[in-house]
Amino acid sequence: MSKLWEDLKDNMKEWSNSAVEKAEEMSRVAMAKTEEMTRISKIKFENHQIQRKITSKLEKLGIIVHNQIKKDNNSTFAGNKEFFLIITEIDELNESLKQKDQEIQNIKKEFGINENDLNMNEVSHDGSPSNQIEKQED
């Protein structure tokens, strides 16, 4: 009976060691994924800020267009430096969005993160969980 008890104790030690090793491995994987998903979330936040800047620039552009048409009854913007400066800034911001989206794709590809993993962590503007990613179209 004592041999059976010793064998059982040895097996229990092996199982517990194996379980601890597996738990440590799973913990490392979870930490790595969390870190990468945090990087993606940070980039998405930066994208949101860029989109807000674009919206602001488009509002300024609309005011310029409205004022010029109303004032001069003219829709030609040749020579209007502010108009073309805003257009250039919007183009640069859109390019920045494309680069950040590419960064996200690279991280997802490198670490095997799929869109469902990200959507589970999305929160809508009112603080409630959301399964949709808001994205401004070009």
Protein backbone atom coordinates (compact mmCIF):
# COMPACT_ATOMS: atom_id res chain seq x y z
CA MET A 1 0.00 0.00 0.00
CA SER A 2 2.87 2.37 0.74
CA LYS A 3 4.28 1.78 -2.79
CA LEU A 4 0.91 2.78 -4.24
CA TRP A 5 0.86 5.87 -2.03
CA GLU A 6 4.40 6.85 -3.09
CA ASP A 7 3.53 6.37 -6.78
CA LEU A 8 0.42 8.47 -6.34
CA LYS A 9 2.40 11.24 -4.63
CA ASP A 10 5.02 11.19 -7.40
CA ASN A 11 2.33 11.35 -10.09
CA MET A 12 0.62 14.22 -8.29
CA LYS A 13 3.91 16.15 -8.19
CA GLU A 14 4.44 15.59 -11.92
CA TRP A 15 0.87 16.66 -12.74
CA SER A 16 1.10 19.76 -10.58
CA ASN A 17 4.47 20.70 -12.11
CA SER A 18 3.02 20.19 -15.56
CA ALA A 19 -0.04 22.27 -14.68
CA VAL A 20 2.14 25.09 -13.32
CA GLU A 21 4.30 25.07 -16.46
CA LYS A 22 1.21 25.18 -18.67
CA ALA A 23 -0.29 28.01 -16.63
CA GLU A 24 2.96 29.99 -16.88
CA GLU A 25 3.07 29.45 -20.63
CA MET A 26 -0.54 30.55 -21.05
CA SER A 27 0.15 33.59 -18.88
CA ARG A 28 3.11 34.60 -21.08
CA VAL A 29 0.99 34.25 -24.22
CA ALA A 30 -1.85 36.27 -22.68
CA MET A 31 0.55 39.03 -21.58
CA ALA A 32 2.09 39.24 -25.05
CA LYS A 33 -1.32 39.45 -26.71
CA THR A 34 -2.48 42.06 -24.21
CA GLU A 35 0.61 44.15 -24.90
CA GLU A 36 0.06 44.03 -28.65
CA MET A 37 -3.63 44.78 -28.32
CA THR A 38 -2.71 47.78 -26.15
CA ARG A 39 -0.39 49.01 -28.91
CA ILE A 40 -3.23 48.65 -31.41
CA SER A 41 -5.64 50.49 -29.13
CA LYS A 42 -3.14 53.34 -28.75
CA ILE A 43 -2.81 53.64 -32.53
CA LYS A 44 -6.60 53.58 -32.90
CA PHE A 45 -6.85 56.40 -30.36
CA GLU A 46 -4.28 58.38 -32.37
CA ASN A 47 -6.38 57.70 -35.48
CA HIS A 48 -9.44 59.05 -33.69
CA GLN A 49 -7.55 62.25 -32.84
CA ILE A 50 -6.42 62.61 -36.46
CA GLN A 51 -10.01 62.12 -37.64
CA ARG A 52 -11.12 64.89 -35.30
CA LYS A 53 -8.45 67.19 -36.80
CA ILE A 54 -9.70 66.30 -40.30
CA THR A 55 -13.26 67.13 -39.27
CA SER A 56 -12.10 70.47 -37.90
CA LYS A 57 -10.20 71.25 -41.12
CA LEU A 58 -13.23 70.31 -43.22
CA GLU A 59 -15.38 72.67 -41.13
CA LYS A 60 -12.88 75.50 -41.73
CA LEU A 61 -12.86 74.66 -45.42
CA GLY A 62 -16.65 74.79 -45.50
CA ILE A 63 -16.64 78.22 -43.86
CA ILE A 64 -14.13 79.52 -46.42
CA VAL A 65 -16.20 78.15 -49.30
CA HIS A 66 -19.43 79.51 -47.89
CA ASN A 67 -17.97 82.96 -47.24
CA GLN A 68 -16.31 83.24 -50.64
CA ILE A 69 -19.42 82.18 -52.53
CA LYS A 70 -21.67 84.40 -50.44
CA LYS A 71 -19.33 87.42 -50.55
CA ASP A 72 -18.08 87.30 -54.12
CA ASN A 73 -20.74 85.06 -55.65
CA ASN A 74 -17.70 83.17 -56.91
CA SER A 75 -16.72 79.53 -56.65
CA THR A 76 -13.15 79.87 -57.92
CA PHE A 77 -10.51 79.50 -55.27
CA ALA A 78 -7.44 80.32 -57.35
CA GLY A 79 -5.15 82.49 -55.26
CA ASN A 80 -6.83 81.59 -51.97
CA LYS A 81 -3.77 80.38 -50.03
CA GLU A 82 -5.72 79.43 -46.92
CA PHE A 83 -8.05 77.19 -48.98
CA PHE A 84 -5.17 75.27 -50.55
CA LEU A 85 -3.24 75.09 -47.28
CA ILE A 86 -6.20 73.37 -45.60
CA ILE A 87 -6.56 70.98 -48.56
CA THR A 88 -2.88 70.04 -48.21
CA GLU A 89 -3.21 69.57 -44.45
CA ILE A 90 -6.22 67.28 -44.93
CA ASP A 91 -4.30 65.21 -47.49
CA GLU A 92 -1.37 64.87 -45.06
CA LEU A 93 -3.68 63.82 -42.23
CA ASN A 94 -5.34 61.22 -44.46
CA GLU A 95 -1.90 59.87 -45.37
CA SER A 96 -1.06 59.64 -41.67
CA LEU A 97 -4.27 57.64 -41.12
CA LYS A 98 -3.27 55.21 -43.85
CA GLN A 99 0.18 54.73 -42.28
CA LYS A 100 -1.31 54.08 -38.84
CA ASP A 101 -3.80 51.61 -40.30
CA GLN A 102 -0.86 49.82 -41.92
CA GLU A 103 0.90 49.73 -38.52
CA ILE A 104 -2.17 48.07 -37.05
CA GLN A 105 -2.28 45.50 -39.85
CA ASN A 106 1.41 44.73 -39.35
CA ILE A 107 0.95 44.19 -35.60
CA LYS A 108 -2.11 42.00 -36.18
CA LYS A 109 -0.27 39.92 -38.75
CA GLU A 110 2.92 39.59 -36.71
CA PHE A 111 1.16 38.49 -33.52
CA GLY A 112 -1.81 36.61 -34.98
CA ILE A 113 -4.46 38.98 -33.68
CA ASN A 114 -7.76 38.86 -35.53
CA GLU A 115 -10.49 41.51 -35.74
CA ASN A 116 -12.76 39.59 -33.35
CA ASP A 117 -10.09 39.83 -30.63
CA LEU A 118 -10.07 43.61 -31.05
CA ASN A 119 -13.84 44.05 -31.29
CA MET A 120 -14.33 42.39 -27.92
CA ASN A 121 -12.38 45.26 -26.36
CA GLU A 122 -13.98 48.15 -28.25
CA VAL A 123 -16.03 50.66 -26.29
CA SER A 124 -18.46 53.06 -27.92
CA HIS A 125 -18.41 56.81 -27.32
CA ASP A 126 -21.05 56.51 -24.58
CA GLY A 127 -18.91 54.00 -22.67
CA SER A 128 -20.91 50.90 -23.57
CA PRO A 129 -19.24 47.91 -25.27
CA SER A 130 -19.36 48.03 -29.03
CA ASN A 131 -18.72 45.40 -31.67
CA GLN A 132 -18.13 47.92 -34.42
CA ILE A 133 -15.04 49.94 -35.16
CA GLU A 134 -15.86 53.45 -36.27
CA LYS A 135 -13.76 54.55 -39.19
CA GLN A 136 -13.95 57.61 -41.37
CA GLU A 137 -13.87 56.87 -45.07
CA ASP A 138 -11.48 58.77 -47.36
